[in-house]
């Protein structure tokens, strides 16, 4: 199993959820409003008067077979919206209750 952490501009959040539904990625925990700044490019998303946009983030645990289709869909979404910003990371997880 894999854990996926995704952070994106709020403007992309609905599209991320649509892709998750299309790919059968059902379970997740999300934070719809958070602040952040990319490491190399892009503007900060701080929710203030100077940098008014915000980010959203989610974490989802997926089966191994779901990982690459999900990551490919997120790469395509990010490429289609380069000014908004979307990052996704994954790592191995084990065990469930």
N, C-alpha and C. Protein backbone atom coordinates (compact mmCIF):
# COMPACT_ATOMS: atom_id res chain seq x y z
N UNK A 1 0.83 -1.17 0.00
CA UNK A 1 0.00 0.00 0.00
C UNK A 1 0.88 1.24 0.00
N UNK A 2 0.32 2.31 -0.52
CA UNK A 2 1.05 3.57 -0.62
C UNK A 2 0.24 4.67 0.04
N UNK A 3 0.94 5.60 0.66
CA UNK A 3 0.33 6.83 1.17
C UNK A 3 0.67 7.93 0.18
N UNK A 4 -0.32 8.69 -0.21
CA UNK A 4 -0.11 9.83 -1.11
C UNK A 4 -0.47 11.10 -0.35
N UNK A 5 0.46 12.05 -0.33
CA UNK A 5 0.18 13.39 0.18
C UNK A 5 0.15 14.32 -1.01
N UNK A 6 -0.90 15.10 -1.12
CA UNK A 6 -1.06 16.03 -2.24
C UNK A 6 -1.38 17.41 -1.69
N UNK A 7 -0.71 18.42 -2.25
CA UNK A 7 -0.99 19.81 -1.93
C UNK A 7 -1.18 20.55 -3.24
N UNK A 8 -2.20 21.41 -3.31
CA UNK A 8 -2.47 22.13 -4.55
C UNK A 8 -3.17 23.45 -4.25
N UNK A 9 -3.14 24.33 -5.22
CA UNK A 9 -3.92 25.55 -5.15
C UNK A 9 -5.39 25.16 -5.00
N UNK A 10 -6.13 25.91 -4.19
CA UNK A 10 -7.55 25.60 -3.98
C UNK A 10 -8.33 25.53 -5.29
N UNK A 11 -7.90 26.28 -6.28
CA UNK A 11 -8.61 26.29 -7.56
C UNK A 11 -8.58 24.92 -8.23
N UNK A 12 -7.64 24.05 -7.86
CA UNK A 12 -7.54 22.72 -8.46
C UNK A 12 -8.21 21.62 -7.62
N UNK A 13 -8.63 21.95 -6.42
CA UNK A 13 -9.10 20.93 -5.49
C UNK A 13 -10.28 20.12 -6.03
N UNK A 14 -11.25 20.77 -6.64
CA UNK A 14 -12.40 20.05 -7.18
C UNK A 14 -11.97 19.11 -8.31
N UNK A 15 -11.05 19.57 -9.16
CA UNK A 15 -10.57 18.71 -10.24
C UNK A 15 -9.81 17.51 -9.69
N UNK A 16 -9.03 17.71 -8.63
CA UNK A 16 -8.34 16.59 -7.98
C UNK A 16 -9.36 15.58 -7.50
N UNK A 17 -10.41 16.04 -6.84
CA UNK A 17 -11.44 15.13 -6.34
C UNK A 17 -12.15 14.40 -7.48
N UNK A 18 -12.39 15.07 -8.59
CA UNK A 18 -13.01 14.42 -9.75
C UNK A 18 -12.11 13.31 -10.28
N UNK A 19 -10.81 13.57 -10.36
CA UNK A 19 -9.87 12.54 -10.83
C UNK A 19 -9.83 11.37 -9.85
N UNK A 20 -9.86 11.66 -8.57
CA UNK A 20 -9.87 10.58 -7.59
C UNK A 20 -11.10 9.69 -7.78
N UNK A 21 -12.24 10.31 -7.97
CA UNK A 21 -13.46 9.54 -8.19
C UNK A 21 -13.35 8.70 -9.45
N UNK A 22 -12.85 9.30 -10.54
CA UNK A 22 -12.70 8.58 -11.80
C UNK A 22 -11.78 7.36 -11.65
N UNK A 23 -10.75 7.50 -10.81
CA UNK A 23 -9.75 6.44 -10.63
C UNK A 23 -10.11 5.46 -9.52
N UNK A 24 -11.23 5.70 -8.84
CA UNK A 24 -11.63 4.79 -7.77
C UNK A 24 -10.84 4.98 -6.48
N UNK A 25 -10.24 6.15 -6.29
CA UNK A 25 -9.53 6.46 -5.05
C UNK A 25 -10.56 7.11 -4.13
N UNK A 26 -11.07 6.33 -3.21
CA UNK A 26 -12.22 6.78 -2.43
C UNK A 26 -11.84 7.38 -1.08
N UNK A 27 -10.98 6.73 -0.34
CA UNK A 27 -10.68 7.18 1.02
C UNK A 27 -9.60 8.25 1.06
N UNK A 28 -9.86 9.30 1.82
CA UNK A 28 -8.86 10.36 1.99
C UNK A 28 -9.23 11.22 3.19
N UNK A 29 -8.26 11.96 3.66
CA UNK A 29 -8.46 12.99 4.66
C UNK A 29 -7.94 14.29 4.06
N UNK A 30 -8.70 15.38 4.19
CA UNK A 30 -8.33 16.62 3.51
C UNK A 30 -8.39 17.82 4.45
N UNK A 31 -7.61 18.81 4.09
CA UNK A 31 -7.66 20.14 4.69
C UNK A 31 -7.89 21.08 3.53
N UNK A 32 -9.03 21.76 3.53
CA UNK A 32 -9.39 22.59 2.38
C UNK A 32 -8.71 23.95 2.36
N UNK A 33 -8.28 24.47 3.50
CA UNK A 33 -7.63 25.77 3.53
C UNK A 33 -6.34 25.70 4.35
N UNK A 34 -5.21 25.87 3.67
CA UNK A 34 -3.94 25.96 4.37
C UNK A 34 -2.99 26.84 3.57
N UNK A 35 -1.98 27.33 4.25
CA UNK A 35 -1.03 28.22 3.60
C UNK A 35 0.20 27.44 3.17
N UNK A 36 0.96 28.01 2.22
CA UNK A 36 2.17 27.34 1.78
C UNK A 36 2.89 28.14 0.72
N UNK A 37 4.09 27.67 0.44
CA UNK A 37 4.93 28.30 -0.57
C UNK A 37 5.79 27.23 -1.20
N UNK A 38 5.87 27.20 -2.53
CA UNK A 38 6.68 26.23 -3.22
C UNK A 38 8.17 26.43 -2.97
N UNK A 39 8.95 25.39 -3.24
CA UNK A 39 10.38 25.46 -2.96
C UNK A 39 11.17 26.22 -4.02
N UNK A 40 10.71 26.21 -5.26
CA UNK A 40 11.51 26.81 -6.33
C UNK A 40 10.78 27.87 -7.14
N UNK A 41 9.53 27.64 -7.45
CA UNK A 41 8.80 28.57 -8.31
C UNK A 41 7.44 28.85 -7.73
N UNK A 42 6.74 29.78 -8.33
CA UNK A 42 5.37 30.08 -7.92
C UNK A 42 5.32 31.10 -6.80
N UNK A 43 4.12 31.59 -6.59
CA UNK A 43 3.88 32.59 -5.56
C UNK A 43 3.41 31.92 -4.28
N UNK A 44 3.68 32.54 -3.13
CA UNK A 44 3.15 32.00 -1.88
C UNK A 44 1.62 32.00 -1.89
N UNK A 45 1.04 31.09 -1.17
CA UNK A 45 -0.41 31.02 -0.98
C UNK A 45 -0.63 31.19 0.52
N UNK A 46 -0.82 32.45 0.94
CA UNK A 46 -0.86 32.75 2.36
C UNK A 46 -2.20 33.24 2.88
N UNK A 47 -3.16 33.46 1.98
CA UNK A 47 -4.49 33.88 2.41
C UNK A 47 -4.52 35.26 3.05
N UNK A 48 -3.58 36.12 2.68
CA UNK A 48 -3.58 37.47 3.23
C UNK A 48 -3.78 38.50 2.13
N UNK A 49 -3.67 39.77 2.46
CA UNK A 49 -3.92 40.83 1.48
C UNK A 49 -2.88 40.84 0.36
N UNK A 50 -1.66 40.46 0.65
CA UNK A 50 -0.60 40.46 -0.35
C UNK A 50 -0.64 39.20 -1.20
N UNK A 51 -0.81 38.06 -0.57
CA UNK A 51 -0.87 36.75 -1.25
C UNK A 51 -2.19 36.09 -0.88
N UNK A 52 -3.29 36.45 -1.55
CA UNK A 52 -4.62 36.04 -1.09
C UNK A 52 -5.02 34.58 -1.35
N UNK A 53 -4.35 33.89 -2.24
CA UNK A 53 -4.78 32.51 -2.51
C UNK A 53 -4.39 31.58 -1.38
N UNK A 54 -5.06 30.42 -1.34
CA UNK A 54 -4.78 29.39 -0.35
C UNK A 54 -4.56 28.06 -1.06
N UNK A 55 -4.01 27.12 -0.34
CA UNK A 55 -3.84 25.76 -0.82
C UNK A 55 -4.87 24.85 -0.18
N UNK A 56 -4.99 23.67 -0.74
CA UNK A 56 -5.72 22.56 -0.13
C UNK A 56 -4.76 21.38 -0.12
N UNK A 57 -4.99 20.42 0.76
CA UNK A 57 -4.13 19.24 0.83
C UNK A 57 -4.97 18.04 1.20
N UNK A 58 -4.46 16.88 0.85
CA UNK A 58 -5.11 15.64 1.25
C UNK A 58 -4.09 14.53 1.37
N UNK A 59 -4.47 13.52 2.11
CA UNK A 59 -3.68 12.30 2.20
C UNK A 59 -4.63 11.14 1.95
N UNK A 60 -4.14 10.18 1.17
CA UNK A 60 -4.94 9.01 0.83
C UNK A 60 -4.04 7.78 0.85
N UNK A 61 -4.56 6.68 1.32
CA UNK A 61 -3.86 5.40 1.28
C UNK A 61 -4.48 4.60 0.13
N UNK A 62 -3.64 4.17 -0.80
CA UNK A 62 -4.14 3.48 -2.00
C UNK A 62 -3.43 2.15 -2.17
N UNK A 63 -4.07 1.28 -2.93
CA UNK A 63 -3.44 0.03 -3.33
C UNK A 63 -2.31 0.34 -4.31
N UNK A 64 -1.31 -0.51 -4.36
CA UNK A 64 -0.15 -0.29 -5.23
C UNK A 64 -0.56 -0.02 -6.68
N UNK A 65 -1.54 -0.76 -7.17
CA UNK A 65 -1.96 -0.62 -8.57
C UNK A 65 -2.62 0.73 -8.85
N UNK A 66 -3.10 1.41 -7.82
CA UNK A 66 -3.73 2.71 -8.02
C UNK A 66 -2.73 3.86 -8.07
N UNK A 67 -1.52 3.63 -7.61
CA UNK A 67 -0.56 4.72 -7.47
C UNK A 67 -0.21 5.38 -8.79
N UNK A 68 0.29 4.63 -9.75
CA UNK A 68 0.77 5.25 -10.99
C UNK A 68 -0.34 5.94 -11.78
N UNK A 69 -1.52 5.34 -11.92
CA UNK A 69 -2.59 6.09 -12.60
C UNK A 69 -2.93 7.40 -11.89
N UNK A 70 -2.92 7.39 -10.55
CA UNK A 70 -3.19 8.61 -9.80
C UNK A 70 -2.10 9.65 -10.05
N UNK A 71 -0.85 9.24 -9.93
CA UNK A 71 0.26 10.18 -10.11
C UNK A 71 0.28 10.72 -11.53
N UNK A 72 -0.02 9.90 -12.51
CA UNK A 72 -0.05 10.37 -13.90
C UNK A 72 -1.16 11.39 -14.10
N UNK A 73 -2.31 11.14 -13.51
CA UNK A 73 -3.42 12.10 -13.61
C UNK A 73 -3.04 13.43 -12.95
N UNK A 74 -2.33 13.38 -11.82
CA UNK A 74 -1.92 14.60 -11.15
C UNK A 74 -0.83 15.34 -11.94
N UNK A 75 0.07 14.59 -12.57
CA UNK A 75 1.08 15.23 -13.45
C UNK A 75 0.40 15.97 -14.59
N UNK A 76 -0.60 15.36 -15.18
CA UNK A 76 -1.33 15.99 -16.29
C UNK A 76 -2.08 17.23 -15.81
N UNK A 77 -2.71 17.15 -14.65
CA UNK A 77 -3.43 18.29 -14.10
C UNK A 77 -2.48 19.43 -13.78
N UNK A 78 -1.33 19.12 -13.22
CA UNK A 78 -0.32 20.14 -12.92
C UNK A 78 0.21 20.76 -14.21
N UNK A 79 0.49 19.95 -15.22
CA UNK A 79 1.01 20.46 -16.49
C UNK A 79 0.00 21.37 -17.19
N UNK A 80 -1.27 21.08 -17.04
CA UNK A 80 -2.31 21.90 -17.67
C UNK A 80 -2.56 23.21 -16.92
N UNK A 81 -2.04 23.30 -15.69
CA UNK A 81 -2.26 24.48 -14.84
C UNK A 81 -0.96 24.91 -14.17
N UNK A 82 0.08 25.25 -14.93
CA UNK A 82 1.40 25.49 -14.33
C UNK A 82 1.47 26.66 -13.36
N UNK A 83 0.59 27.63 -13.47
CA UNK A 83 0.64 28.79 -12.58
C UNK A 83 -0.01 28.51 -11.22
N UNK A 84 -0.81 27.45 -11.12
CA UNK A 84 -1.54 27.19 -9.88
C UNK A 84 -0.73 26.39 -8.87
N UNK A 85 -0.04 25.39 -9.31
CA UNK A 85 0.77 24.58 -8.41
C UNK A 85 0.05 23.37 -7.86
N UNK A 86 0.68 22.22 -8.03
CA UNK A 86 0.19 20.95 -7.50
C UNK A 86 1.41 20.07 -7.26
N UNK A 87 1.51 19.51 -6.07
CA UNK A 87 2.59 18.59 -5.76
C UNK A 87 1.99 17.36 -5.08
N UNK A 88 2.51 16.20 -5.45
CA UNK A 88 2.07 14.95 -4.83
C UNK A 88 3.29 14.11 -4.53
N UNK A 89 3.30 13.50 -3.35
CA UNK A 89 4.39 12.66 -2.89
C UNK A 89 3.80 11.36 -2.37
N UNK A 90 4.57 10.29 -2.43
CA UNK A 90 4.06 9.02 -1.91
C UNK A 90 5.16 8.30 -1.15
N UNK A 91 4.73 7.42 -0.27
CA UNK A 91 5.65 6.55 0.44
C UNK A 91 4.94 5.25 0.80
N UNK A 92 5.74 4.24 1.11
CA UNK A 92 5.22 2.93 1.48
C UNK A 92 4.57 3.00 2.86
N UNK A 93 3.46 2.31 3.01
CA UNK A 93 2.82 2.18 4.31
C UNK A 93 2.43 0.71 4.50
N UNK A 94 2.26 0.34 5.73
CA UNK A 94 1.84 -1.02 6.00
C UNK A 94 0.93 -1.08 7.20
N UNK A 95 0.11 -2.10 7.21
CA UNK A 95 -0.76 -2.36 8.34
C UNK A 95 -2.00 -1.48 8.38
N UNK A 96 -3.10 -2.10 8.69
CA UNK A 96 -4.37 -1.39 8.91
C UNK A 96 -5.08 -2.06 10.05
N UNK A 97 -6.00 -1.39 10.62
CA UNK A 97 -6.82 -1.97 11.70
C UNK A 97 -7.96 -2.76 11.11
